[in-house]
């Protein structure tokens, strides 16, 4: 099989999650500065067998695209140009950051640790990936 990579794209930081080779378990991988996202993906995809990319689709409560969607579209054009063999899937990411924060509370992280926005982004990417796997499966 191969790994499925998911990203929670942000203006400053992008959370990244990945599955195992059997595509059973979704885990947070890391958070990278968005300006360094493409170099990171090139290196990761070169060293790992990535079969699919899942990208969160941010929308407003009324269903209209969020302001960051224009930046995501630019990123997707670059990604598809660089990796035409990897299919890209979009998943509604409404409330994933709130769910990520709640996950941090539920797992007993201290207040100081919960302020770590990079960790929230990584957990949000994991939730996006889990949603994709559940929907697909």
C-alpha atoms as a PDB file:
ATOM      1  CA  UNK A   1       0.000   0.000   0.000  1.00  0.00           C
ATOM      2  CA  UNK A   2       1.608   3.221   1.159  1.00  0.00           C
ATOM      3  CA  UNK A   3       1.056   6.185   3.414  1.00  0.00           C
ATOM      4  CA  UNK A   4      -1.718   8.763   3.226  1.00  0.00           C
ATOM      5  CA  UNK A   5      -0.513  12.240   4.148  1.00  0.00           C
ATOM      6  CA  UNK A   6      -2.908  14.873   5.500  1.00  0.00           C
ATOM      7  CA  UNK A   7      -2.370  18.564   6.055  1.00  0.00           C
ATOM      8  CA  UNK A   8      -4.144  21.263   8.014  1.00  0.00           C
ATOM      9  CA  UNK A   9      -2.970  24.222   5.932  1.00  0.00           C
ATOM     10  CA  UNK A  10      -2.498  27.502   7.760  1.00  0.00           C
ATOM     11  CA  UNK A  11      -1.188  30.959   6.984  1.00  0.00           C
ATOM     12  CA  UNK A  12       1.830  30.556   9.294  1.00  0.00           C
ATOM     13  CA  UNK A  13       1.979  26.862  10.169  1.00  0.00           C
ATOM     14  CA  UNK A  14       0.741  23.659   8.587  1.00  0.00           C
ATOM     15  CA  UNK A  15      -0.047  20.585  10.650  1.00  0.00           C
ATOM     16  CA  UNK A  16       0.853  17.258   9.067  1.00  0.00           C
ATOM     17  CA  UNK A  17      -0.447  13.771   9.844  1.00  0.00           C
ATOM     18  CA  UNK A  18       0.286  10.431   8.200  1.00  0.00           C
ATOM     19  CA  UNK A  19      -0.937   6.850   8.186  1.00  0.00           C
ATOM     20  CA  UNK A  20       1.135   3.750   8.614  1.00  0.00           C
ATOM     21  CA  UNK A  21       2.008   1.756   5.458  1.00  0.00           C
ATOM     22  CA  UNK A  22      -1.112  -0.407   5.880  1.00  0.00           C
ATOM     23  CA  UNK A  23      -3.308   2.737   6.124  1.00  0.00           C
ATOM     24  CA  UNK A  24      -4.840   1.633   9.422  1.00  0.00           C
ATOM     25  CA  UNK A  25      -3.556   4.171  11.961  1.00  0.00           C
ATOM     26  CA  UNK A  26      -3.465   7.960  11.600  1.00  0.00           C
ATOM     27  CA  UNK A  27      -0.774   9.758  13.612  1.00  0.00           C
ATOM     28  CA  UNK A  28       0.418  13.315  13.920  1.00  0.00           C
ATOM     29  CA  UNK A  29       3.739  13.730  12.137  1.00  0.00           C
ATOM     30  CA  UNK A  30       4.856  17.324  12.651  1.00  0.00           C
ATOM     31  CA  UNK A  31       4.077  20.974  12.076  1.00  0.00           C
ATOM     32  CA  UNK A  32       6.078  23.016   9.570  1.00  0.00           C
ATOM     33  CA  UNK A  33       6.162  26.674   8.673  1.00  0.00           C
ATOM     34  CA  UNK A  34       3.874  27.032   5.677  1.00  0.00           C
ATOM     35  CA  UNK A  35       6.627  28.835   3.764  1.00  0.00           C
ATOM     36  CA  UNK A  36       8.706  25.629   4.052  1.00  0.00           C
ATOM     37  CA  UNK A  37       5.858  23.198   3.283  1.00  0.00           C
ATOM     38  CA  UNK A  38       6.758  22.284  -0.318  1.00  0.00           C
ATOM     39  CA  UNK A  39      10.446  21.540   0.448  1.00  0.00           C
ATOM     40  CA  UNK A  40       9.332  19.425   3.426  1.00  0.00           C
ATOM     41  CA  UNK A  41       6.820  17.490   1.283  1.00  0.00           C
ATOM     42  CA  UNK A  42       9.382  16.926  -1.489  1.00  0.00           C
ATOM     43  CA  UNK A  43      11.818  15.436   0.998  1.00  0.00           C
ATOM     44  CA  UNK A  44       9.175  13.355   2.779  1.00  0.00           C
ATOM     45  CA  UNK A  45       7.530  12.025  -0.391  1.00  0.00           C
ATOM     46  CA  UNK A  46      10.945  11.142  -1.834  1.00  0.00           C
ATOM     47  CA  UNK A  47      11.815   9.048   1.230  1.00  0.00           C
ATOM     48  CA  UNK A  48       8.379   7.531   1.976  1.00  0.00           C
ATOM     49  CA  UNK A  49       5.785   5.784  -0.177  1.00  0.00           C
ATOM     50  CA  UNK A  50       2.949   8.350  -0.167  1.00  0.00           C
ATOM     51  CA  UNK A  51      -0.111   7.283  -2.167  1.00  0.00           C
ATOM     52  CA  UNK A  52      -2.571  10.121  -1.414  1.00  0.00           C
ATOM     53  CA  UNK A  53      -2.709  13.656  -0.027  1.00  0.00           C
ATOM     54  CA  UNK A  54      -5.668  14.827   2.052  1.00  0.00           C
ATOM     55  CA  UNK A  55      -6.080  18.568   2.497  1.00  0.00           C
ATOM     56  CA  UNK A  56      -8.511  20.176   4.901  1.00  0.00           C
ATOM     57  CA  UNK A  57     -11.174  22.317   3.273  1.00  0.00           C
ATOM     58  CA  UNK A  58     -11.918  25.268   5.541  1.00  0.00           C
ATOM     59  CA  UNK A  59     -15.414  26.700   5.284  1.00  0.00           C
ATOM     60  CA  UNK A  60     -17.445  29.257   7.176  1.00  0.00           C
ATOM     61  CA  UNK A  61     -20.478  28.194   9.213  1.00  0.00           C
ATOM     62  CA  UNK A  62     -22.697  29.029   6.232  1.00  0.00           C
ATOM     63  CA  UNK A  63     -20.669  26.732   3.968  1.00  0.00           C
ATOM     64  CA  UNK A  64     -18.828  29.432   2.004  1.00  0.00           C
ATOM     65  CA  UNK A  65     -15.051  29.058   1.560  1.00  0.00           C
ATOM     66  CA  UNK A  66     -12.826  30.478   4.281  1.00  0.00           C
ATOM     67  CA  UNK A  67     -10.379  33.290   3.497  1.00  0.00           C
ATOM     68  CA  UNK A  68      -7.366  30.930   3.438  1.00  0.00           C
ATOM     69  CA  UNK A  69      -8.906  28.844   0.620  1.00  0.00           C
ATOM     70  CA  UNK A  70      -7.278  31.046  -2.065  1.00  0.00           C
ATOM     71  CA  UNK A  71      -3.832  30.257  -0.587  1.00  0.00           C
ATOM     72  CA  UNK A  72      -4.711  26.556  -0.398  1.00  0.00           C
ATOM     73  CA  UNK A  73      -5.659  26.595  -4.097  1.00  0.00           C
ATOM     74  CA  UNK A  74      -2.261  28.098  -4.981  1.00  0.00           C
ATOM     75  CA  UNK A  75      -0.542  25.420  -2.901  1.00  0.00           C
ATOM     76  CA  UNK A  76      -2.602  22.667  -4.566  1.00  0.00           C
ATOM     77  CA  UNK A  77      -1.601  23.875  -8.044  1.00  0.00           C
ATOM     78  CA  UNK A  78       2.087  23.678  -7.051  1.00  0.00           C
ATOM     79  CA  UNK A  79       1.588  20.276  -5.439  1.00  0.00           C
ATOM     80  CA  UNK A  80      -0.218  18.752  -8.439  1.00  0.00           C
ATOM     81  CA  UNK A  81       2.466  20.150 -10.757  1.00  0.00           C
ATOM     82  CA  UNK A  82       5.239  18.646  -8.608  1.00  0.00           C
ATOM     83  CA  UNK A  83       3.488  15.340  -7.820  1.00  0.00           C
ATOM     84  CA  UNK A  84       0.984  14.605 -10.602  1.00  0.00           C
ATOM     85  CA  UNK A  85       0.872  10.907  -9.641  1.00  0.00           C
ATOM     86  CA  UNK A  86      -0.470  11.578  -6.118  1.00  0.00           C
ATOM     87  CA  UNK A  87      -4.252  12.064  -5.911  1.00  0.00           C
ATOM     88  CA  UNK A  88      -5.451  14.968  -3.770  1.00  0.00           C
ATOM     89  CA  UNK A  89      -8.596  14.677  -1.646  1.00  0.00           C
ATOM     90  CA  UNK A  90     -10.383  17.460   0.225  1.00  0.00           C
ATOM     91  CA  UNK A  91     -12.102  16.984   3.595  1.00  0.00           C
ATOM     92  CA  UNK A  92     -14.327  19.468   5.416  1.00  0.00           C
ATOM     93  CA  UNK A  93     -12.240  20.720   8.314  1.00  0.00           C
ATOM     94  CA  UNK A  94     -14.864  22.746  10.163  1.00  0.00           C
ATOM     95  CA  UNK A  95     -14.330  22.576  13.924  1.00  0.00           C
ATOM     96  CA  UNK A  96     -11.160  20.433  13.702  1.00  0.00           C
ATOM     97  CA  UNK A  97      -9.130  23.021  15.637  1.00  0.00           C
ATOM     98  CA  UNK A  98     -11.778  23.085  18.392  1.00  0.00           C
ATOM     99  CA  UNK A  99     -11.826  19.276  18.415  1.00  0.00           C
ATOM    100  CA  UNK A 100      -8.018  19.253  18.589  1.00  0.00           C
ATOM    101  CA  UNK A 101      -8.068  21.621  21.561  1.00  0.00           C
ATOM    102  CA  UNK A 102     -10.688  19.471  23.294  1.00  0.00           C
ATOM    103  CA  UNK A 103      -8.539  16.396  22.633  1.00  0.00           C
ATOM    104  CA  UNK A 104      -5.654  18.139  24.393  1.00  0.00           C
ATOM    105  CA  UNK A 105      -7.875  18.861  27.413  1.00  0.00           C
ATOM    106  CA  UNK A 106      -9.248  15.307  27.459  1.00  0.00           C
ATOM    107  CA  UNK A 107      -5.748  13.838  27.358  1.00  0.00           C
ATOM    108  CA  UNK A 108      -4.771  15.836  30.436  1.00  0.00           C
ATOM    109  CA  UNK A 109      -2.327  18.311  28.927  1.00  0.00           C
ATOM    110  CA  UNK A 110      -1.502  21.248  31.171  1.00  0.00           C
ATOM    111  CA  UNK A 111      -2.637  24.764  30.265  1.00  0.00           C
ATOM    112  CA  UNK A 112       0.848  25.761  29.118  1.00  0.00           C
ATOM    113  CA  UNK A 113       1.034  22.754  26.765  1.00  0.00           C
ATOM    114  CA  UNK A 114      -2.428  23.563  25.362  1.00  0.00           C
ATOM    115  CA  UNK A 115      -1.133  26.976  24.225  1.00  0.00           C
ATOM    116  CA  UNK A 116       1.149  25.192  21.743  1.00  0.00           C
ATOM    117  CA  UNK A 117      -0.540  26.169  18.468  1.00  0.00           C
ATOM    118  CA  UNK A 118       1.751  23.861  16.489  1.00  0.00           C
ATOM    119  CA  UNK A 119       0.447  20.874  18.459  1.00  0.00           C
ATOM    120  CA  UNK A 120      -3.148  21.973  17.799  1.00  0.00           C
ATOM    121  CA  UNK A 121      -2.382  22.094  14.045  1.00  0.00           C
ATOM    122  CA  UNK A 122      -0.820  18.627  14.121  1.00  0.00           C
ATOM    123  CA  UNK A 123      -3.791  17.152  16.003  1.00  0.00           C
ATOM    124  CA  UNK A 124      -6.197  18.916  13.594  1.00  0.00           C
ATOM    125  CA  UNK A 125      -4.376  17.287  10.656  1.00  0.00           C
ATOM    126  CA  UNK A 126      -4.762  13.923  12.388  1.00  0.00           C
ATOM    127  CA  UNK A 127      -8.512  14.507  12.794  1.00  0.00           C
ATOM    128  CA  UNK A 128      -8.774  15.440   9.089  1.00  0.00           C
ATOM    129  CA  UNK A 129      -6.950  12.219   8.190  1.00  0.00           C
ATOM    130  CA  UNK A 130      -9.143  10.112  10.491  1.00  0.00           C
ATOM    131  CA  UNK A 131     -12.269  11.661   8.935  1.00  0.00           C
ATOM    132  CA  UNK A 132     -10.973  10.804   5.457  1.00  0.00           C
ATOM    133  CA  UNK A 133     -10.158   7.228   6.436  1.00  0.00           C
ATOM    134  CA  UNK A 134     -13.562   6.753   8.085  1.00  0.00           C
ATOM    135  CA  UNK A 135     -15.407   8.212   5.082  1.00  0.00           C
ATOM    136  CA  UNK A 136     -13.373   6.171   2.608  1.00  0.00           C
ATOM    137  CA  UNK A 137     -13.642   2.959   4.589  1.00  0.00           C
END
